[in-house]
Amino acid sequence: MVKFLTFILLTIIVMHKPHAASNNLFFTTAQFITYCKSKNSYEQGICDGYIIAMNDVIYSIETDKTKICIPENISIKSIRLSIVDFIIDNAQFMSVEANKVIGKFFVKNFSCKNQS
């Protein structure tokens, strides 16, 4: 599964070839949700890869700065379905960058419970 997701993520990177100084947006939330809602496993893989990348960015930031604690045993499918519901419930975010909406989702759903 990890090899498959890594392959999907690398495929996305190779296909989109942005320039180093690019300001291009990969996905608006509207574009992102089409992949997440798709019945096509390849498109779901694009969605899952994007979510995993966002998770990795959050994980790489110190917990005391993000205040986000994502359980280790949660499946990517569960997160994907929850994100779709979150986006549908917050349709005003459709034109916003997908990464910002995913960040809002993580803050709302995975805020650390035991903060000092």
N, C-alpha and C. Protein backbone atom coordinates (compact mmCIF):
# COMPACT_ATOMS: atom_id res chain seq x y z
N MET A 1 0.83 -1.19 0.00
CA MET A 1 0.00 0.00 0.00
C MET A 1 0.87 1.26 0.00
N VAL A 2 1.93 1.25 0.83
CA VAL A 2 2.82 2.40 0.89
C VAL A 2 3.51 2.60 -0.46
N LYS A 3 3.94 1.49 -1.07
CA LYS A 3 4.59 1.59 -2.38
C LYS A 3 3.63 2.17 -3.42
N PHE A 4 2.36 1.74 -3.35
CA PHE A 4 1.35 2.24 -4.29
C PHE A 4 1.15 3.75 -4.10
N LEU A 5 1.01 4.19 -2.87
CA LEU A 5 0.79 5.61 -2.60
C LEU A 5 2.02 6.43 -2.98
N THR A 6 3.20 5.88 -2.74
CA THR A 6 4.43 6.57 -3.13
C THR A 6 4.47 6.70 -4.65
N PHE A 7 4.11 5.63 -5.35
CA PHE A 7 4.07 5.67 -6.81
C PHE A 7 3.10 6.74 -7.30
N ILE A 8 1.92 6.80 -6.69
CA ILE A 8 0.92 7.80 -7.09
C ILE A 8 1.45 9.20 -6.86
N LEU A 9 2.04 9.44 -5.70
CA LEU A 9 2.58 10.76 -5.39
C LEU A 9 3.69 11.14 -6.37
N LEU A 10 4.59 10.22 -6.68
CA LEU A 10 5.65 10.50 -7.64
C LEU A 10 5.09 10.75 -9.04
N THR A 11 4.05 10.02 -9.40
CA THR A 11 3.41 10.23 -10.70
C THR A 11 2.83 11.64 -10.79
N ILE A 12 2.19 12.08 -9.72
CA ILE A 12 1.62 13.43 -9.70
C ILE A 12 2.72 14.47 -9.86
N ILE A 13 3.81 14.28 -9.13
CA ILE A 13 4.92 15.23 -9.19
C ILE A 13 5.50 15.30 -10.59
N VAL A 14 5.70 14.15 -11.22
CA VAL A 14 6.28 14.12 -12.57
C VAL A 14 5.32 14.72 -13.59
N MET A 15 4.03 14.49 -13.43
CA MET A 15 3.04 14.98 -14.39
C MET A 15 2.88 16.50 -14.33
N HIS A 16 3.04 17.09 -13.18
CA HIS A 16 2.75 18.51 -13.03
C HIS A 16 3.97 19.42 -13.18
N LYS A 17 5.17 18.96 -13.10
CA LYS A 17 6.41 19.67 -13.35
C LYS A 17 6.33 21.20 -13.19
N PRO A 18 6.03 21.70 -11.99
CA PRO A 18 6.05 23.17 -11.82
C PRO A 18 7.48 23.68 -11.81
N HIS A 19 7.67 24.92 -12.21
CA HIS A 19 8.99 25.53 -12.15
C HIS A 19 9.29 25.89 -10.71
N ALA A 20 10.55 25.92 -10.36
CA ALA A 20 10.95 26.19 -8.98
C ALA A 20 10.40 27.53 -8.47
N ALA A 21 10.32 28.51 -9.32
CA ALA A 21 9.85 29.83 -8.90
C ALA A 21 8.35 30.00 -9.16
N SER A 22 7.65 28.91 -9.37
CA SER A 22 6.24 28.97 -9.73
C SER A 22 5.35 29.36 -8.56
N ASN A 23 4.29 30.09 -8.87
CA ASN A 23 3.27 30.43 -7.89
C ASN A 23 1.99 29.67 -8.20
N ASN A 24 2.08 28.66 -9.02
CA ASN A 24 0.89 27.93 -9.45
C ASN A 24 0.26 27.16 -8.31
N LEU A 25 -1.07 27.18 -8.30
CA LEU A 25 -1.85 26.43 -7.33
C LEU A 25 -2.14 25.06 -7.93
N PHE A 26 -1.86 24.00 -7.20
CA PHE A 26 -2.17 22.66 -7.70
C PHE A 26 -3.66 22.42 -7.72
N PHE A 27 -4.33 22.67 -6.59
CA PHE A 27 -5.76 22.38 -6.49
C PHE A 27 -6.51 23.46 -5.74
N THR A 28 -7.65 23.85 -6.28
CA THR A 28 -8.64 24.53 -5.44
C THR A 28 -9.39 23.39 -4.73
N THR A 29 -10.16 23.73 -3.75
CA THR A 29 -10.94 22.71 -3.05
C THR A 29 -11.92 22.02 -4.00
N ALA A 30 -12.51 22.79 -4.92
CA ALA A 30 -13.44 22.20 -5.89
C ALA A 30 -12.75 21.16 -6.76
N GLN A 31 -11.54 21.45 -7.21
CA GLN A 31 -10.80 20.47 -8.02
C GLN A 31 -10.42 19.26 -7.18
N PHE A 32 -9.96 19.52 -5.96
CA PHE A 32 -9.52 18.45 -5.07
C PHE A 32 -10.65 17.47 -4.75
N ILE A 33 -11.83 17.99 -4.44
CA ILE A 33 -12.94 17.12 -4.04
C ILE A 33 -13.39 16.21 -5.18
N THR A 34 -13.20 16.63 -6.42
CA THR A 34 -13.58 15.75 -7.53
C THR A 34 -12.74 14.47 -7.52
N TYR A 35 -11.47 14.59 -7.16
CA TYR A 35 -10.63 13.39 -7.04
C TYR A 35 -11.06 12.55 -5.85
N CYS A 36 -11.37 13.20 -4.74
CA CYS A 36 -11.72 12.48 -3.51
C CYS A 36 -13.05 11.74 -3.64
N LYS A 37 -14.00 12.30 -4.40
CA LYS A 37 -15.32 11.69 -4.56
C LYS A 37 -15.36 10.67 -5.69
N SER A 38 -14.31 10.58 -6.48
CA SER A 38 -14.28 9.70 -7.63
C SER A 38 -14.36 8.23 -7.21
N LYS A 39 -14.94 7.42 -8.05
CA LYS A 39 -14.97 5.96 -7.86
C LYS A 39 -13.72 5.31 -8.48
N ASN A 40 -12.96 6.10 -9.22
CA ASN A 40 -11.74 5.62 -9.88
C ASN A 40 -10.61 5.55 -8.85
N SER A 41 -9.99 4.40 -8.70
CA SER A 41 -8.95 4.23 -7.67
C SER A 41 -7.73 5.11 -7.93
N TYR A 42 -7.42 5.39 -9.19
CA TYR A 42 -6.30 6.28 -9.50
C TYR A 42 -6.58 7.68 -8.97
N GLU A 43 -7.78 8.18 -9.23
CA GLU A 43 -8.13 9.52 -8.76
C GLU A 43 -8.23 9.57 -7.24
N GLN A 44 -8.74 8.52 -6.63
CA GLN A 44 -8.74 8.45 -5.16
C GLN A 44 -7.30 8.47 -4.64
N GLY A 45 -6.39 7.84 -5.37
CA GLY A 45 -4.98 7.84 -5.00
C GLY A 45 -4.38 9.24 -5.03
N ILE A 46 -4.81 10.05 -5.99
CA ILE A 46 -4.35 11.44 -6.05
C ILE A 46 -4.82 12.17 -4.80
N CYS A 47 -6.09 11.99 -4.47
CA CYS A 47 -6.64 12.60 -3.26
C CYS A 47 -5.89 12.13 -2.01
N ASP A 48 -5.74 10.82 -1.89
CA ASP A 48 -5.06 10.25 -0.72
C ASP A 48 -3.62 10.73 -0.62
N GLY A 49 -2.93 10.79 -1.76
CA GLY A 49 -1.54 11.27 -1.75
C GLY A 49 -1.44 12.70 -1.28
N TYR A 50 -2.38 13.53 -1.69
CA TYR A 50 -2.39 14.94 -1.28
C TYR A 50 -2.63 15.04 0.22
N ILE A 51 -3.58 14.25 0.74
CA ILE A 51 -3.86 14.24 2.18
C ILE A 51 -2.63 13.76 2.95
N ILE A 52 -2.00 12.71 2.47
CA ILE A 52 -0.81 12.18 3.14
C ILE A 52 0.30 13.22 3.15
N ALA A 53 0.48 13.93 2.03
CA ALA A 53 1.50 14.99 1.98
C ALA A 53 1.20 16.08 2.99
N MET A 54 -0.07 16.47 3.10
CA MET A 54 -0.45 17.48 4.10
C MET A 54 -0.19 16.97 5.51
N ASN A 55 -0.50 15.70 5.76
CA ASN A 55 -0.23 15.10 7.06
C ASN A 55 1.26 15.15 7.37
N ASP A 56 2.08 14.82 6.38
CA ASP A 56 3.53 14.82 6.58
C ASP A 56 4.05 16.22 6.88
N VAL A 57 3.49 17.23 6.23
CA VAL A 57 3.89 18.61 6.51
C VAL A 57 3.53 18.96 7.95
N ILE A 58 2.31 18.62 8.35
CA ILE A 58 1.87 18.89 9.73
C ILE A 58 2.76 18.14 10.72
N TYR A 59 3.06 16.88 10.42
CA TYR A 59 3.89 16.06 11.30
C TYR A 59 5.30 16.65 11.45
N SER A 60 5.80 17.27 10.39
CA SER A 60 7.17 17.81 10.43
C SER A 60 7.26 19.11 11.23
N ILE A 61 6.12 19.73 11.49
CA ILE A 61 6.10 20.96 12.30
C ILE A 61 5.97 20.54 13.77
N GLU A 62 6.63 21.25 14.65
CA GLU A 62 6.56 20.90 16.07
C GLU A 62 5.12 20.89 16.57
N THR A 63 4.77 19.86 17.34
CA THR A 63 3.40 19.68 17.82
C THR A 63 2.90 20.89 18.61
N ASP A 64 3.77 21.54 19.38
CA ASP A 64 3.32 22.68 20.17
C ASP A 64 2.95 23.88 19.29
N LYS A 65 3.41 23.88 18.05
CA LYS A 65 3.05 24.96 17.13
C LYS A 65 1.79 24.62 16.34
N THR A 66 1.59 23.35 16.00
CA THR A 66 0.42 22.97 15.21
C THR A 66 -0.78 22.62 16.09
N LYS A 67 -0.51 22.04 17.26
CA LYS A 67 -1.58 21.60 18.16
C LYS A 67 -2.53 20.62 17.47
N ILE A 68 -1.97 19.82 16.56
CA ILE A 68 -2.75 18.81 15.85
C ILE A 68 -2.16 17.44 16.16
N CYS A 69 -3.00 16.53 16.60
CA CYS A 69 -2.59 15.17 16.94
C CYS A 69 -3.45 14.19 16.15
N ILE A 70 -2.89 13.63 15.10
CA ILE A 70 -3.61 12.70 14.25
C ILE A 70 -3.35 11.28 14.77
N PRO A 71 -4.41 10.54 15.10
CA PRO A 71 -4.22 9.18 15.62
C PRO A 71 -3.47 8.30 14.63
N GLU A 72 -2.62 7.45 15.15
CA GLU A 72 -1.83 6.57 14.29
C GLU A 72 -2.67 5.51 13.59
N ASN A 73 -3.77 5.09 14.21
CA ASN A 73 -4.54 3.96 13.67
C ASN A 73 -5.67 4.36 12.75
N ILE A 74 -5.74 5.62 12.35
CA ILE A 74 -6.83 6.06 11.46
C ILE A 74 -6.44 5.79 10.01
N SER A 75 -7.40 5.33 9.23
CA SER A 75 -7.10 4.99 7.83
C SER A 75 -7.22 6.22 6.94
N ILE A 76 -6.50 6.20 5.86
CA ILE A 76 -6.56 7.30 4.89
C ILE A 76 -7.96 7.36 4.27
N LYS A 77 -8.59 6.22 4.08
CA LYS A 77 -9.96 6.21 3.53
C LYS A 77 -10.91 6.94 4.48
N SER A 78 -10.78 6.69 5.77
CA SER A 78 -11.62 7.36 6.76
C SER A 78 -11.40 8.87 6.73
N ILE A 79 -10.15 9.28 6.64
CA ILE A 79 -9.85 10.72 6.57
C ILE A 79 -10.41 11.30 5.28
N ARG A 80 -10.23 10.59 4.15
CA ARG A 80 -10.75 11.08 2.86
C ARG A 80 -12.26 11.31 2.93
N LEU A 81 -13.00 10.32 3.45
CA LEU A 81 -14.45 10.45 3.53
C LEU A 81 -14.86 11.59 4.46
N SER A 82 -14.13 11.76 5.55
CA SER A 82 -14.42 12.85 6.49
C SER A 82 -14.12 14.21 5.85
N ILE A 83 -13.05 14.29 5.09
CA ILE A 83 -12.73 15.55 4.40
C ILE A 83 -13.81 15.89 3.38
N VAL A 84 -14.29 14.89 2.63
CA VAL A 84 -15.37 15.14 1.67
C VAL A 84 -16.58 15.71 2.40
N ASP A 85 -16.97 15.10 3.52
CA ASP A 85 -18.10 15.61 4.30
C ASP A 85 -17.85 17.03 4.79
N PHE A 86 -16.62 17.29 5.26
CA PHE A 86 -16.26 18.62 5.75
C PHE A 86 -16.39 19.66 4.63
N ILE A 87 -15.91 19.32 3.44
CA ILE A 87 -15.98 20.25 2.31
C ILE A 87 -17.44 20.49 1.90
N ILE A 88 -18.22 19.43 1.85
CA ILE A 88 -19.64 19.58 1.49
C ILE A 88 -20.35 20.48 2.51
N ASP A 89 -20.04 20.29 3.80
CA ASP A 89 -20.65 21.11 4.85
C ASP A 89 -20.16 22.55 4.84
N ASN A 90 -19.02 22.80 4.18
CA ASN A 90 -18.42 24.14 4.13
C ASN A 90 -18.18 24.54 2.68
N ALA A 91 -19.24 24.53 1.91
CA ALA A 91 -19.14 24.79 0.46
C ALA A 91 -18.53 26.15 0.14
N GLN A 92 -18.53 27.08 1.09
CA GLN A 92 -17.94 28.39 0.85
C GLN A 92 -16.43 28.30 0.61
N PHE A 93 -15.83 27.15 0.90
CA PHE A 93 -14.39 26.97 0.71
C PHE A 93 -14.03 26.43 -0.67
N MET A 94 -14.99 26.22 -1.56
CA MET A 94 -14.73 25.58 -2.85
C MET A 94 -13.68 26.30 -3.69
N SER A 95 -13.58 27.61 -3.60
CA SER A 95 -12.61 28.34 -4.42
C SER A 95 -11.29 28.59 -3.68
N VAL A 96 -11.21 28.13 -2.44
CA VAL A 96 -10.01 28.31 -1.61
C VAL A 96 -9.01 27.21 -1.96
N GLU A 97 -7.73 27.48 -1.71
CA GLU A 97 -6.70 26.47 -1.93
C GLU A 97 -7.00 25.22 -1.09
N ALA A 98 -6.87 24.06 -1.71
CA ALA A 98 -7.19 22.80 -1.04
C ALA A 98 -6.35 22.59 0.22
N ASN A 99 -5.08 22.97 0.19
CA ASN A 99 -4.23 22.75 1.36
C ASN A 99 -4.74 23.52 2.58
N LYS A 100 -5.29 24.70 2.38
CA LYS A 100 -5.83 25.48 3.50
C LYS A 100 -7.06 24.81 4.09
N VAL A 101 -7.91 24.27 3.24
CA VAL A 101 -9.12 23.61 3.71
C VAL A 101 -8.77 22.31 4.44
N ILE A 102 -7.80 21.58 3.93
CA ILE A 102 -7.36 20.36 4.62
C ILE A 102 -6.78 20.73 5.99
N GLY A 103 -6.02 21.81 6.04
CA GLY A 103 -5.49 22.29 7.32
C GLY A 103 -6.61 22.62 8.29
N LYS A 104 -7.66 23.31 7.82
CA LYS A 104 -8.81 23.63 8.67
C LYS A 104 -9.48 22.35 9.16
N PHE A 105 -9.59 21.37 8.28
CA PHE A 105 -10.18 20.08 8.65
C PHE A 105 -9.37 19.43 9.78
N PHE A 106 -8.05 19.39 9.62
CA PHE A 106 -7.21 18.77 10.65
C PHE A 106 -7.32 19.51 11.98
N VAL A 107 -7.35 20.83 11.95
CA VAL A 107 -7.48 21.61 13.18
C VAL A 107 -8.82 21.31 13.85
N LYS A 108 -9.89 21.28 13.07
CA LYS A 108 -11.22 21.05 13.63
C LYS A 108 -11.36 19.64 14.19
N ASN A 109 -10.80 18.66 13.51
CA ASN A 109 -11.05 17.26 13.87
C ASN A 109 -9.95 16.58 14.68
N PHE A 110 -8.74 17.13 14.66
CA PHE A 110 -7.64 16.44 15.32
C PHE A 110 -6.83 17.34 16.25
N SER A 111 -7.49 18.32 16.85
CA SER A 111 -6.79 19.16 17.83
C SER A 111 -6.38 18.28 19.00
N CYS A 112 -5.17 18.50 19.49
CA CYS A 112 -4.66 17.72 20.62
C CYS A 112 -5.52 17.97 21.84
N LYS A 113 -5.84 16.92 22.56
CA LYS A 113 -6.71 17.00 23.73
C LYS A 113 -5.95 17.41 24.99
N ASN A 114 -4.72 16.96 25.13
CA ASN A 114 -3.95 17.20 26.35
C ASN A 114 -2.83 18.19 26.12
N GLN A 115 -3.17 19.46 26.02
CA GLN A 115 -2.16 20.50 25.83
C GLN A 115 -1.79 21.09 27.18
N SER A 116 -0.51 21.33 27.40
CA SER A 116 -0.05 21.90 28.66
C SER A 116 -0.23 23.40 28.66
